[in-house]
Every structure is written in structure tokens, then in C-alpha cells.
Amino acid sequence: MGRGKKTAPKYRLEITWSAGDNCYVVAVPELPGCMTHGESIEEAIQMAYEAIAGYLESLKARKLPIPTPLAEREFSGKVPLRIDSALHRDLSTKAQISGMSLNKYIESRLKKAV
């Protein structure tokens, strides 16, 4: 990579068309309030890169933590969860009927929901 060349930020970009504003709007959900827009998708993305840089500079200037992009975070696969005891019973029953462990049954249901 050449000197001075910027790399694309690894934060998620959500791009939508705004008919009212006649432009593409970009939100960066991992950085609350970080939004921008552009007349084309390419311009909107470039503006998002600039908005992210400004957002991160603002955090640094205020000595606030820089959020790690979701794409760079590691997930253990463990989710501590407390649920209603009746729901627990119903899920356990359905898991047993399906011949699955409770964890696998819940995982399969979540995959279908997502």
C-alpha cells in the first residue's frame, strides 16, 4: 500500500435512498449518530469514510474509547440467557421431540429467524 493511501474503514455501512432528499443516505450503526449522504452510491460511501474519520477523531480528542468494528471482534458463541420457566419447558420439550439438545434446537430456531 502506498504512502498516504487511505484504507476503507471496517465499520458496517447501511445505504438507503431518500426520495425526500433525492440522495443516498449512509448510516454507520456501530458509531451512533454517524450519518452522511451523497448524490451517488460512490459519493455516499466516500462521504461515509470521511464521516467515520471525523467521528473517530472526535472520540480520540475527547479521550473516549474507539469502538472495535464488529467485523474485527471475536465472538465466543456463548450467550448467557435467562428466560421464563414455561418457555424453557416448552423449548426443552420441542428439542427432545426433535431429537436435539436444547442448545442446538434454540440455535436452529434462531438461524431460521435471522
Protein backbone atom coordinates (compact mmCIF):
# COMPACT_ATOMS: atom_id res chain seq x y z
CA MET A 1 0.00 0.00 0.00
CA GLY A 2 1.38 3.36 -0.99
CA ARG A 3 2.16 6.20 1.35
CA GLY A 4 -0.84 8.42 2.06
CA LYS A 5 -3.32 5.95 0.67
CA LYS A 6 -6.29 5.53 2.98
CA THR A 7 -7.79 2.14 3.70
CA ALA A 8 -11.52 1.68 3.88
CA PRO A 9 -12.88 1.60 7.41
CA LYS A 10 -14.17 -1.76 8.56
CA TYR A 11 -17.38 -0.44 10.08
CA ARG A 12 -20.69 -1.54 8.60
CA LEU A 13 -22.38 0.91 6.23
CA GLU A 14 -26.14 0.95 5.74
CA ILE A 15 -27.03 2.73 2.50
CA THR A 16 -30.61 3.76 1.67
CA TRP A 17 -32.19 6.00 -0.92
CA SER A 18 -34.00 9.07 0.41
CA ALA A 19 -36.65 10.16 -2.08
CA GLY A 20 -37.41 13.23 0.03
CA ASP A 21 -33.80 14.38 -0.08
CA ASN A 22 -33.06 12.91 -3.51
CA CYS A 23 -29.82 11.32 -2.32
CA TYR A 24 -28.27 8.19 -0.83
CA VAL A 25 -28.08 8.26 2.95
CA VAL A 26 -25.39 6.28 4.76
CA ALA A 27 -25.59 5.33 8.43
CA VAL A 28 -22.82 3.66 10.41
CA PRO A 29 -24.74 1.68 13.06
CA GLU A 30 -21.63 0.82 15.07
CA LEU A 31 -20.97 4.55 15.56
CA PRO A 32 -24.19 6.07 16.96
CA GLY A 33 -25.19 9.25 15.14
CA CYS A 34 -22.61 8.83 12.38
CA MET A 35 -24.51 9.53 9.15
CA THR A 36 -23.92 11.29 5.86
CA HIS A 37 -25.21 11.35 2.29
CA GLY A 38 -24.21 11.63 -1.35
CA GLU A 39 -25.77 12.05 -4.78
CA SER A 40 -24.41 8.67 -5.93
CA ILE A 41 -23.65 5.49 -4.03
CA GLU A 42 -19.94 6.03 -4.66
CA GLU A 43 -20.09 9.59 -3.33
CA ALA A 44 -22.15 8.46 -0.32
CA ILE A 45 -19.56 5.80 0.52
CA GLN A 46 -16.69 8.29 0.19
CA MET A 47 -18.58 10.72 2.42
CA ALA A 48 -19.13 7.89 4.92
CA TYR A 49 -15.37 7.24 5.06
CA GLU A 50 -14.84 10.92 5.83
CA ALA A 51 -17.64 10.92 8.43
CA ILE A 52 -16.12 7.87 10.13
CA ALA A 53 -12.67 9.51 10.20
CA GLY A 54 -14.17 12.66 11.74
CA TYR A 55 -16.19 10.64 14.25
CA LEU A 56 -13.11 8.67 15.34
CA GLU A 57 -11.02 11.86 15.58
CA SER A 58 -13.72 13.36 17.81
CA LEU A 59 -13.62 10.31 20.08
CA LYS A 60 -9.81 10.50 20.27
CA ALA A 61 -9.89 14.24 21.04
CA ARG A 62 -12.31 13.58 23.92
CA LYS A 63 -10.23 10.60 25.09
CA LEU A 64 -13.17 8.24 24.58
CA PRO A 65 -12.75 4.61 23.54
CA ILE A 66 -12.72 3.76 19.83
CA PRO A 67 -15.27 1.00 19.12
CA THR A 68 -13.82 -2.12 17.54
CA PRO A 69 -15.64 -2.85 14.27
CA LEU A 70 -17.96 -5.86 14.55
CA ALA A 71 -16.04 -7.44 11.66
CA GLU A 72 -12.90 -7.50 13.81
CA ARG A 73 -14.49 -8.69 17.06
CA GLU A 74 -14.25 -12.28 18.16
CA PHE A 75 -17.37 -13.99 19.44
CA SER A 76 -17.28 -16.99 21.78
CA GLY A 77 -20.60 -18.43 20.67
CA LYS A 78 -21.83 -18.27 24.25
CA VAL A 79 -24.90 -16.21 25.06
CA PRO A 80 -25.95 -16.10 28.72
CA LEU A 81 -29.71 -16.10 28.65
CA ARG A 82 -32.49 -16.05 31.22
CA ILE A 83 -35.97 -16.93 30.01
CA ASP A 84 -39.37 -17.61 31.50
CA SER A 85 -39.53 -21.10 33.04
CA ALA A 86 -42.60 -22.05 30.95
CA LEU A 87 -40.76 -21.09 27.75
CA HIS A 88 -37.74 -23.11 28.93
CA ARG A 89 -40.01 -26.14 29.45
CA ASP A 90 -41.65 -25.72 26.03
CA LEU A 91 -38.31 -25.34 24.26
CA SER A 92 -36.87 -28.35 26.07
CA THR A 93 -39.91 -30.44 25.09
CA LYS A 94 -39.66 -29.42 21.42
CA ALA A 95 -35.91 -30.07 21.44
CA GLN A 96 -36.43 -33.56 22.85
CA ILE A 97 -39.17 -34.32 20.30
CA SER A 98 -36.82 -33.14 17.53
CA GLY A 99 -34.01 -35.32 18.89
CA MET A 100 -31.78 -32.32 19.52
CA SER A 101 -30.05 -30.80 22.51
CA LEU A 102 -31.71 -27.67 23.83
CA ASN A 103 -28.76 -25.55 22.64
CA LYS A 104 -28.90 -26.99 19.09
CA TYR A 105 -32.68 -26.59 18.97
CA ILE A 106 -32.52 -22.92 20.02
CA GLU A 107 -29.65 -22.33 17.56
CA SER A 108 -31.68 -23.86 14.71
CA ARG A 109 -34.68 -21.66 15.57
CA LEU A 110 -32.54 -18.55 15.73
CA LYS A 111 -30.96 -19.31 12.34
CA LYS A 112 -34.44 -19.53 10.81
CA ALA A 113 -35.43 -16.22 12.44
CA VAL A 114 -32.35 -14.39 11.18
